[in-house]
Protein backbone atom coordinates (compact mmCIF):
# COMPACT_ATOMS: atom_id res chain seq x y z
CA UNK A 1 -21.44 -9.40 30.96
CA UNK A 2 -19.04 -9.97 28.05
CA UNK A 3 -19.71 -6.46 26.72
CA UNK A 4 -18.78 -4.95 30.09
CA UNK A 5 -15.55 -6.96 30.02
CA UNK A 6 -14.74 -5.74 26.48
CA UNK A 7 -15.46 -2.11 27.40
CA UNK A 8 -13.31 -2.35 30.54
CA UNK A 9 -10.50 -4.08 28.65
CA UNK A 10 -10.46 -1.32 26.04
CA UNK A 11 -10.57 1.30 28.79
CA UNK A 12 -7.32 -0.22 30.03
CA UNK A 13 -5.96 -0.23 26.46
CA UNK A 14 -6.77 3.48 26.20
CA UNK A 15 -5.04 4.21 29.52
CA UNK A 16 -2.00 2.23 28.35
CA UNK A 17 -1.82 4.05 25.00
CA UNK A 18 -2.17 7.45 26.65
CA UNK A 19 0.49 6.49 29.20
CA UNK A 20 2.93 5.45 26.47
CA UNK A 21 2.42 8.77 24.71
CA UNK A 22 2.50 10.67 27.99
CA UNK A 23 -0.68 11.74 29.77
CA UNK A 24 0.31 15.39 29.93
CA UNK A 25 1.06 15.47 26.20
CA UNK A 26 -2.26 13.91 25.14
CA UNK A 27 -4.98 15.05 27.53
CA UNK A 28 -5.76 18.71 28.13
CA UNK A 29 -7.16 17.94 31.57
CA UNK A 30 -5.02 15.30 33.27
CA UNK A 31 -7.59 14.43 35.92
CA UNK A 32 -8.63 10.84 36.52
CA UNK A 33 -12.25 11.63 35.58
CA UNK A 34 -11.21 12.82 32.13
CA UNK A 35 -8.99 9.79 31.60
CA UNK A 36 -11.69 7.32 32.65
CA UNK A 37 -14.45 9.17 30.78
CA UNK A 38 -12.52 9.23 27.51
CA UNK A 39 -11.46 5.63 28.07
CA UNK A 40 -15.05 4.51 28.60
CA UNK A 41 -16.13 6.22 25.39
CA UNK A 42 -13.28 4.51 23.55
CA UNK A 43 -14.16 1.17 25.18
CA UNK A 44 -17.81 1.44 24.20
CA UNK A 45 -16.88 2.31 20.60
CA UNK A 46 -14.59 -0.70 20.35
CA UNK A 47 -17.20 -2.89 22.04
CA UNK A 48 -19.60 -2.10 19.17
CA UNK A 49 -17.23 -3.29 16.40
CA UNK A 50 -18.67 -6.84 16.01
CA UNK A 51 -22.20 -5.38 15.87
CA UNK A 52 -21.11 -2.85 13.22
CA UNK A 53 -19.59 -5.65 11.16
CA UNK A 54 -22.75 -7.76 11.46
CA UNK A 55 -24.91 -4.76 10.50
CA UNK A 56 -23.01 -4.32 7.24
CA UNK A 57 -23.00 -8.12 6.75
CA UNK A 58 -19.21 -8.32 6.84
CA UNK A 59 -17.35 -11.33 8.23
CA UNK A 60 -16.32 -11.01 11.87
CA UNK A 61 -12.68 -12.08 11.73
CA UNK A 62 -9.45 -10.60 13.03
CA UNK A 63 -8.69 -8.66 9.85
CA UNK A 64 -12.07 -6.96 9.66
CA UNK A 65 -11.99 -6.23 13.39
CA UNK A 66 -8.58 -4.59 12.96
CA UNK A 67 -9.68 -2.45 10.00
CA UNK A 68 -12.85 -1.22 11.69
CA UNK A 69 -10.94 -0.71 14.95
CA UNK A 70 -8.39 1.38 13.06
CA UNK A 71 -11.15 3.46 11.49
CA UNK A 72 -13.01 4.00 14.77
CA UNK A 73 -9.80 4.82 16.63
CA UNK A 74 -8.92 7.37 13.96
CA UNK A 75 -12.38 8.94 14.15
CA UNK A 76 -12.30 8.95 17.96
CA UNK A 77 -8.92 10.65 18.19
CA UNK A 78 -9.70 12.97 15.27
CA UNK A 79 -12.87 14.19 16.93
CA UNK A 80 -11.06 14.45 20.27
CA UNK A 81 -8.21 16.53 18.82
CA UNK A 82 -9.83 18.69 16.16
CA UNK A 83 -13.56 18.88 16.94
CA UNK A 84 -14.11 18.47 20.70
CA UNK A 85 -10.73 19.72 21.88
CA UNK A 86 -10.53 16.95 24.47
CA UNK A 87 -7.00 15.95 23.48
CA UNK A 88 -4.04 18.25 22.98
CA UNK A 89 -1.06 16.65 21.28
CA UNK A 90 2.27 18.30 21.96
CA UNK A 91 4.45 18.59 18.85
CA UNK A 92 8.14 17.79 19.01
CA UNK A 93 7.71 15.05 21.59
CA UNK A 94 9.60 11.75 21.27
CA UNK A 95 7.67 8.56 22.00
CA UNK A 96 9.64 5.43 22.87
CA UNK A 97 8.03 2.26 21.47
CA UNK A 98 10.69 -0.04 22.99
CA UNK A 99 11.85 -0.99 19.46
CA UNK A 100 12.26 2.47 17.99
CA UNK A 101 11.67 6.07 18.93
CA UNK A 102 9.14 8.14 17.00
CA UNK A 103 9.30 11.92 16.94
CA UNK A 104 5.84 13.48 16.83
CA UNK A 105 6.35 16.43 14.48
CA UNK A 106 2.76 17.70 14.36
CA UNK A 107 -0.79 16.78 15.35
CA UNK A 108 -1.58 14.91 12.14
CA UNK A 109 1.32 12.50 12.55
CA UNK A 110 0.36 12.08 16.20
CA UNK A 111 -3.20 11.27 15.14
CA UNK A 112 -2.06 8.57 12.71
CA UNK A 113 0.47 7.02 15.12
CA UNK A 114 -2.01 7.14 18.01
CA UNK A 115 -4.71 5.47 15.90
CA UNK A 116 -2.39 2.77 14.60
CA UNK A 117 -0.95 1.98 18.02
CA UNK A 118 -4.31 1.84 19.78
CA UNK A 119 -5.83 -0.23 16.95
CA UNK A 120 -3.01 -2.77 17.05
CA UNK A 121 -3.07 -3.08 20.85
CA UNK A 122 -6.86 -3.33 21.04
CA UNK A 123 -7.06 -5.93 18.25
CA UNK A 124 -4.19 -7.87 19.81
CA UNK A 125 -6.07 -7.96 23.11
CA UNK A 126 -9.15 -9.23 21.26
CA UNK A 127 -7.14 -12.00 19.58
CA UNK A 128 -5.62 -13.02 22.91
CA UNK A 129 -9.09 -13.01 24.49
CA UNK A 130 -10.42 -15.27 21.71
CA UNK A 131 -7.60 -17.76 22.11
CA UNK A 132 -8.38 -17.99 25.84
CA UNK A 133 -11.82 -19.48 25.16
């Protein structure tokens, strides 16, 4: 039951990140099925992070969760942009992060910013979920 909660929570994180960047500037197909399908894949990948850490006999703490989350987010968005063609990042778009505005000059910068933002939000949600227990 906890794994379903983690996958659903990270589905919502994915929807939030895509909404901040603009749905039409990230997804090629802006249908709800594409958004939920990609979000479920992202949620399942993030759900597997503690198991990946245990497999490699690494400590399961917030720092290691963040680093593996950053790596998996990068690989997910990289494969979605360059290999599968699921995502299409529009260059020249300005993203407002409430503190500062970031201009997305090309797809590589968008990939790095998207990975960092989703990794930070997802790890932050995990930390908040742990403090709730």
